[in-house]
Amino acid sequence: MAPFRFAVQFSKAASGPAWRNAARKVEGLGYSTLFMPDHFGDQYGPLVALTVAAEATTDLRVGSLVFDNDYRHPVVLAKEVATLDLLSEGRVEFGLGAGWMTSDYEQSGIPNDSPGTRIDRMSESLVIMKELWSEGRATLAGNHYTITEAVGSPTPHQRPHPSIIIGGGGKRILTLAAREADIVGINPNLAAGYIGPEVAANTLVEFYRQRVEWVRSAAGDRFAGLELQVLTFLVQVVTNGREVLEQMAPLLSTTPEALAEIPIALVGTVDEIVETLQRRREELGISYIVIQEAAIDAFSPVVARLNGT
């Protein structure tokens, strides 16, 4: 089983000094990585903010969860990510996605193509970036990109390329992740383009079991070397976990018992959460846990107990 790692997802802070202090706090509490999403709403621009976070810390890894492929040309993004990885001395975790949030496309005017088209385009983009990072040059005559002897400079610190994260809830994207990524995020299916009540049906433990099996089948011999990651949305370190679950379950149209098993939720005492994570790792193989910034302090005793074990 892969050792546990923990990360925090942030969007912004009150000021520049507050952002730097947040990054130092994440590192000081033992979290492996500071992640940022990539949307056009109320958040910092991830490339600049991640650069500042890396500069403010010593060992903290920084990453995107995840960059939307449609927002940046792969030759441009490859250069930016390689630069950050080089200057941070190999602390980048590069997350790439095909895009999902309808409001981003509506606000920006970027065409919101079908999921299949977006995944095809992302797949081509990933080929280009991997070649730029590992070979120093890329050429591709694809359906979405035509790249001719593009130069991959600078060379990233991590070889052959920065750690790659791909996640999703559909079979096609998870198959791509299993074959191409180093870290696979098992996520709810967000094909609707927004987070709504239908997401609850895509977070039951049976959903995750099926997705892990998809990844296992597609990865083949690679599976043993993959990290499986989950992004949590409900984390409460409390002594009255049962009461919290009873209050939250109707909002997700499920039972307290089912909610307790949903991988995006962690509710209970430190001991109970530690036991839950150990059981989920044994059953599902999930070892890389990402929490939201609001839970960073309360969750830190769990990190102290399980980090690296």
Protein backbone atom coordinates (compact mmCIF):
# COMPACT_ATOMS: atom_id res chain seq x y z
CA MET A 1 0.00 0.00 0.00
CA ALA A 2 1.20 3.50 -0.81
CA PRO A 3 2.05 5.66 2.20
CA PHE A 4 -0.42 8.33 3.20
CA ARG A 5 0.02 11.87 1.94
CA PHE A 6 -2.14 14.87 2.69
CA ALA A 7 -2.75 18.14 0.86
CA VAL A 8 -4.80 21.31 1.22
CA GLN A 9 -6.73 23.08 -1.53
CA PHE A 10 -6.68 26.87 -1.34
CA SER A 11 -8.19 29.47 -3.67
CA LYS A 12 -6.87 32.76 -2.29
CA ALA A 13 -6.00 34.69 0.88
CA ALA A 14 -6.67 38.17 2.24
CA SER A 15 -3.33 39.57 1.08
CA GLY A 16 0.10 38.68 -0.23
CA PRO A 17 1.57 38.21 3.25
CA ALA A 18 -1.46 36.14 4.27
CA TRP A 19 -0.97 33.89 1.24
CA ARG A 20 2.69 33.34 2.06
CA ASN A 21 1.84 32.64 5.68
CA ALA A 22 -0.84 30.16 4.62
CA ALA A 23 1.69 28.26 2.51
CA ARG A 24 4.16 28.18 5.42
CA LYS A 25 1.41 26.96 7.73
CA VAL A 26 0.48 24.13 5.35
CA GLU A 27 4.13 23.08 5.26
CA GLY A 28 4.60 23.43 9.02
CA LEU A 29 1.61 21.20 9.79
CA GLY A 30 3.05 18.39 7.72
CA TYR A 31 0.87 18.57 4.63
CA SER A 32 2.64 17.46 1.47
CA THR A 33 1.10 19.81 -1.06
CA LEU A 34 -0.77 23.05 -1.57
CA PHE A 35 -3.22 22.73 -4.44
CA MET A 36 -5.25 25.33 -6.30
CA PRO A 37 -8.26 24.94 -8.61
CA ASP A 38 -8.39 26.64 -12.01
CA HIS A 39 -11.56 28.64 -12.53
CA PHE A 40 -12.48 32.18 -13.59
CA GLY A 41 -14.35 32.97 -10.38
CA ASP A 42 -13.20 34.30 -7.02
CA GLN A 43 -9.68 32.88 -6.80
CA TYR A 44 -6.07 33.79 -7.51
CA GLY A 45 -4.48 32.96 -10.83
CA PRO A 46 -2.93 29.59 -10.03
CA LEU A 47 0.42 29.85 -11.81
CA VAL A 48 1.45 33.06 -10.08
CA ALA A 49 0.03 32.09 -6.70
CA LEU A 50 1.68 28.66 -6.77
CA THR A 51 5.00 30.28 -7.64
CA VAL A 52 4.73 32.60 -4.65
CA ALA A 53 3.76 29.67 -2.38
CA ALA A 54 6.77 27.68 -3.55
CA GLU A 55 9.10 30.62 -2.97
CA ALA A 56 7.72 31.16 0.53
CA THR A 57 8.42 27.56 1.58
CA THR A 58 11.24 25.02 1.56
CA ASP A 59 9.81 21.56 0.96
CA LEU A 60 6.12 22.15 0.24
CA ARG A 61 4.92 20.77 -3.08
CA VAL A 62 2.57 22.94 -5.13
CA GLY A 63 0.10 21.94 -7.77
CA SER A 64 -3.00 22.47 -9.82
CA LEU A 65 -6.17 20.53 -9.12
CA VAL A 66 -6.48 20.86 -12.00
CA PHE A 67 -5.51 23.14 -14.89
CA ASP A 68 -8.28 23.23 -17.49
CA ASN A 69 -6.64 22.24 -20.77
CA ASP A 70 -8.94 24.51 -22.77
CA TYR A 71 -7.69 27.66 -21.07
CA ARG A 72 -4.03 27.41 -22.13
CA HIS A 73 -2.13 26.23 -25.16
CA PRO A 74 0.05 23.20 -24.28
CA VAL A 75 3.29 24.76 -25.54
CA VAL A 76 2.68 27.80 -23.32
CA LEU A 77 1.58 25.79 -20.29
CA ALA A 78 4.50 23.36 -20.63
CA LYS A 79 6.98 26.25 -20.48
CA GLU A 80 5.33 27.80 -17.42
CA VAL A 81 5.14 24.52 -15.53
CA ALA A 82 8.69 23.54 -16.44
CA THR A 83 9.92 26.91 -15.20
CA LEU A 84 8.12 26.53 -11.89
CA ASP A 85 9.38 22.97 -11.47
CA LEU A 86 12.95 24.02 -12.25
CA LEU A 87 12.98 27.02 -9.93
CA SER A 88 11.24 25.15 -7.09
CA GLU A 89 13.71 22.28 -7.53
CA GLY A 90 11.13 19.66 -8.39
CA ARG A 91 8.17 20.54 -6.20
CA VAL A 92 5.43 20.69 -8.84
CA GLU A 93 2.50 18.30 -9.12
CA PHE A 94 0.89 19.02 -12.46
CA GLY A 95 -2.83 18.36 -12.62
CA LEU A 96 -4.55 18.52 -15.98
CA GLY A 97 -8.24 18.19 -16.79
CA ALA A 98 -10.51 18.41 -19.81
CA GLY A 99 -12.75 21.07 -18.27
CA TRP A 100 -16.19 20.74 -16.73
CA MET A 101 -17.56 23.96 -15.22
CA THR A 102 -20.12 25.43 -17.61
CA SER A 103 -19.99 28.90 -16.04
CA ASP A 104 -16.26 29.22 -16.84
CA TYR A 105 -16.95 28.69 -20.51
CA GLU A 106 -19.96 31.00 -20.50
CA GLN A 107 -18.08 33.81 -18.75
CA SER A 108 -14.97 33.55 -20.90
CA GLY A 109 -16.57 32.84 -24.26
CA ILE A 110 -14.30 29.82 -24.73
CA PRO A 111 -16.24 27.20 -26.72
CA ASN A 112 -17.61 24.47 -24.47
CA ASP A 113 -17.27 21.47 -26.72
CA SER A 114 -18.62 18.01 -25.98
CA PRO A 115 -16.88 16.02 -23.22
CA GLY A 116 -15.48 13.61 -25.82
CA THR A 117 -13.95 16.46 -27.84
CA ARG A 118 -12.48 18.05 -24.74
CA ILE A 119 -10.91 14.75 -23.65
CA ASP A 120 -9.50 14.19 -27.15
CA ARG A 121 -7.95 17.66 -27.08
CA MET A 122 -6.54 17.12 -23.60
CA SER A 123 -5.03 13.81 -24.66
CA GLU A 124 -3.18 15.51 -27.54
CA SER A 125 -2.08 18.29 -25.21
CA LEU A 126 -0.62 15.80 -22.76
CA VAL A 127 1.39 14.11 -25.54
CA ILE A 128 2.84 17.48 -26.53
CA MET A 129 3.75 18.51 -22.99
CA LYS A 130 5.31 15.17 -22.12
CA GLU A 131 7.49 15.33 -25.24
CA LEU A 132 8.52 18.92 -24.53
CA TRP A 133 9.51 18.02 -20.97
CA SER A 134 11.19 14.69 -21.62
CA GLU A 135 12.63 15.11 -25.13
CA GLY A 136 13.10 18.87 -25.29
CA ARG A 137 11.15 19.12 -28.55
CA ALA A 138 7.70 18.18 -29.82
CA THR A 139 5.97 17.71 -33.17
CA LEU A 140 2.35 16.66 -33.55
CA ALA A 141 -0.14 16.80 -36.39
CA GLY A 142 -3.33 16.11 -34.48
CA ASN A 143 -7.02 16.86 -34.79
CA HIS A 144 -6.73 19.76 -32.34
CA TYR A 145 -3.09 20.87 -32.33
CA THR A 146 -0.46 21.18 -35.03
CA ILE A 147 2.94 21.53 -33.39
CA THR A 148 6.13 21.69 -35.46
CA GLU A 149 9.52 21.28 -33.77
CA ALA A 150 8.38 23.19 -30.67
CA VAL A 151 11.25 23.65 -28.23
CA GLY A 152 10.85 22.48 -24.64
CA SER A 153 12.83 25.02 -22.67
CA PRO A 154 13.59 25.17 -19.82
CA THR A 155 14.03 21.54 -18.85
CA PRO A 156 12.03 20.74 -15.70
CA HIS A 157 13.85 19.59 -12.57
CA GLN A 158 11.84 16.34 -12.28
CA ARG A 159 12.73 13.77 -14.90
CA PRO A 160 11.31 12.77 -17.23
CA HIS A 161 8.64 15.32 -16.29
CA PRO A 162 6.80 16.78 -13.29
CA SER A 163 4.41 14.44 -11.46
CA ILE A 164 1.16 14.31 -13.45
CA ILE A 165 -2.30 14.19 -11.91
CA ILE A 166 -5.41 13.31 -13.92
CA GLY A 167 -8.73 12.73 -12.25
CA GLY A 168 -12.36 12.22 -13.06
CA GLY A 169 -15.45 10.13 -12.62
CA GLY A 170 -15.99 8.82 -16.15
CA LYS A 171 -14.47 5.68 -17.63
CA ARG A 172 -12.72 7.37 -20.53
CA ILE A 173 -10.90 10.01 -18.50
CA LEU A 174 -9.94 7.49 -15.82
CA THR A 175 -8.61 5.14 -18.48
CA LEU A 176 -6.42 7.96 -19.78
CA ALA A 177 -5.31 8.71 -16.23
CA ALA A 178 -4.45 5.08 -15.57
CA ARG A 179 -2.21 4.96 -18.63
CA GLU A 180 -0.58 8.40 -18.48
CA ALA A 181 -0.65 9.87 -14.95
CA ASP A 182 1.40 9.31 -11.83
CA ILE A 183 -1.47 10.30 -9.52
CA VAL A 184 -5.10 9.40 -10.31
CA GLY A 185 -7.91 11.39 -8.73
CA ILE A 186 -11.12 9.43 -8.21
CA ASN A 187 -13.78 12.14 -8.41
CA PRO A 188 -17.55 12.48 -8.68
CA ASN A 189 -18.85 12.62 -12.23
CA LEU A 190 -19.34 16.31 -13.04
CA ALA A 191 -20.65 15.92 -16.58
CA ALA A 192 -23.59 18.18 -15.68
CA GLY A 193 -21.20 21.15 -15.64
CA TYR A 194 -21.99 22.23 -12.08
CA ILE A 195 -22.12 20.79 -8.60
CA GLY A 196 -25.73 19.93 -7.84
CA PRO A 197 -27.81 17.37 -5.94
CA GLU A 198 -27.15 14.67 -8.54
CA VAL A 199 -23.52 14.57 -7.38
CA ALA A 200 -24.65 12.69 -4.26
CA ALA A 201 -25.42 9.59 -6.31
CA ASN A 202 -21.87 9.73 -7.68
CA THR A 203 -20.16 9.73 -4.30
CA LEU A 204 -21.38 6.47 -2.75
CA VAL A 205 -18.64 4.00 -1.97
CA GLU A 206 -19.86 1.63 -4.70
CA PHE A 207 -19.18 4.37 -7.26
CA TYR A 208 -15.58 4.61 -6.05
CA ARG A 209 -15.05 0.85 -6.06
CA GLN A 210 -16.10 0.69 -9.69
CA ARG A 211 -13.81 3.59 -10.66
CA VAL A 212 -10.83 2.04 -8.91
CA GLU A 213 -11.42 -1.18 -10.85
CA TRP A 214 -11.54 0.80 -14.11
CA VAL A 215 -8.17 2.31 -13.23
CA ARG A 216 -6.72 -1.05 -12.20
CA SER A 217 -7.82 -2.68 -15.45
CA ALA A 218 -6.53 0.11 -17.69
CA ALA A 219 -3.24 0.58 -15.82
CA GLY A 220 -2.12 -3.03 -15.94
CA ASP A 221 1.40 -3.29 -14.56
CA ARG A 222 1.44 0.45 -13.90
CA PHE A 223 -1.22 0.18 -11.20
CA ALA A 224 1.17 -0.76 -8.38
CA GLY A 225 3.09 2.49 -8.90
CA LEU A 226 0.08 4.83 -9.02
CA GLU A 227 -1.11 7.03 -6.18
CA LEU A 228 -4.90 7.19 -5.83
CA GLN A 229 -6.17 10.54 -4.65
CA VAL A 230 -9.48 11.87 -3.40
CA LEU A 231 -10.58 15.48 -2.90
CA THR A 232 -12.81 15.76 0.18
CA PHE A 233 -15.65 18.24 0.63
CA LEU A 234 -16.99 17.41 4.10
CA VAL A 235 -14.35 17.20 6.84
CA GLN A 236 -15.37 17.68 10.47
CA VAL A 237 -13.21 16.55 13.36
CA VAL A 238 -15.82 16.31 16.11
CA THR A 239 -16.83 14.14 19.03
CA ASN A 240 -20.48 13.94 17.86
CA GLY A 241 -19.86 12.48 14.42
CA ARG A 242 -23.05 10.45 14.36
CA GLU A 243 -25.13 13.58 15.01
CA VAL A 244 -23.37 15.47 12.21
CA LEU A 245 -23.95 12.62 9.78
CA GLU A 246 -27.63 12.49 10.71
CA GLN A 247 -27.95 16.22 10.02
CA MET A 248 -26.07 16.12 6.72
CA ALA A 249 -27.46 12.90 5.22
CA PRO A 250 -30.88 14.30 4.15
CA LEU A 251 -29.12 17.12 2.25
CA LEU A 252 -27.41 14.49 0.10
CA SER A 253 -30.48 12.24 -0.11
CA THR A 254 -28.70 9.40 1.63
CA THR A 255 -28.48 7.71 5.02
CA PRO A 256 -26.01 8.48 7.84
CA GLU A 257 -24.49 5.03 7.37
CA ALA A 258 -23.93 5.59 3.64
CA LEU A 259 -22.59 9.11 4.21
CA ALA A 260 -20.05 7.76 6.69
CA GLU A 261 -18.60 5.59 3.90
CA ILE A 262 -18.49 8.26 1.17
CA PRO A 263 -14.81 8.99 0.38
CA ILE A 264 -15.41 12.74 -0.01
CA ALA A 265 -16.55 12.88 3.64
CA LEU A 266 -14.51 12.49 6.85
CA VAL A 267 -16.49 13.00 10.05
CA GLY A 268 -15.65 11.95 13.60
CA THR A 269 -12.91 12.04 16.18
CA VAL A 270 -9.25 11.86 15.22
CA ASP A 271 -9.20 8.17 16.10
CA GLU A 272 -12.34 7.48 14.07
CA ILE A 273 -11.04 9.35 11.01
CA VAL A 274 -7.68 7.58 11.23
CA GLU A 275 -9.48 4.23 11.29
CA THR A 276 -11.70 5.27 8.37
CA LEU A 277 -8.73 6.32 6.23
CA GLN A 278 -6.83 3.14 6.98
CA ARG A 279 -9.86 1.05 6.06
CA ARG A 280 -10.44 2.97 2.84
CA ARG A 281 -6.82 2.58 1.83
CA GLU A 282 -7.06 -1.16 2.39
CA GLU A 283 -10.35 -1.45 0.47
CA LEU A 284 -9.88 1.13 -2.29
CA GLY A 285 -6.17 1.91 -2.36
CA ILE A 286 -6.74 5.63 -1.77
CA SER A 287 -3.75 7.08 0.07
CA TYR A 288 -3.55 10.73 -1.04
CA ILE A 289 -6.15 12.85 0.75
CA VAL A 290 -6.88 16.47 -0.15
CA ILE A 291 -8.87 18.62 2.27
CA GLN A 292 -10.31 22.12 1.96
CA GLU A 293 -8.56 25.03 3.67
CA ALA A 294 -11.23 25.47 6.38
CA ALA A 295 -10.26 22.13 7.95
CA ILE A 296 -6.49 22.61 7.98
CA ASP A 297 -6.11 23.05 11.76
CA ALA A 298 -8.68 20.54 12.96
CA PHE A 299 -7.39 17.88 10.57
CA SER A 300 -3.70 18.35 11.42
CA PRO A 301 -3.70 15.67 14.21
CA VAL A 302 -4.77 13.13 11.59
CA VAL A 303 -1.88 14.23 9.39
CA ALA A 304 0.51 13.86 12.34
CA ARG A 305 -0.75 10.32 13.01
CA LEU A 306 -0.75 8.96 9.45
CA ASN A 307 1.67 11.02 7.39
CA GLY A 308 4.06 8.73 5.51
CA THR A 309 2.80 5.51 7.13
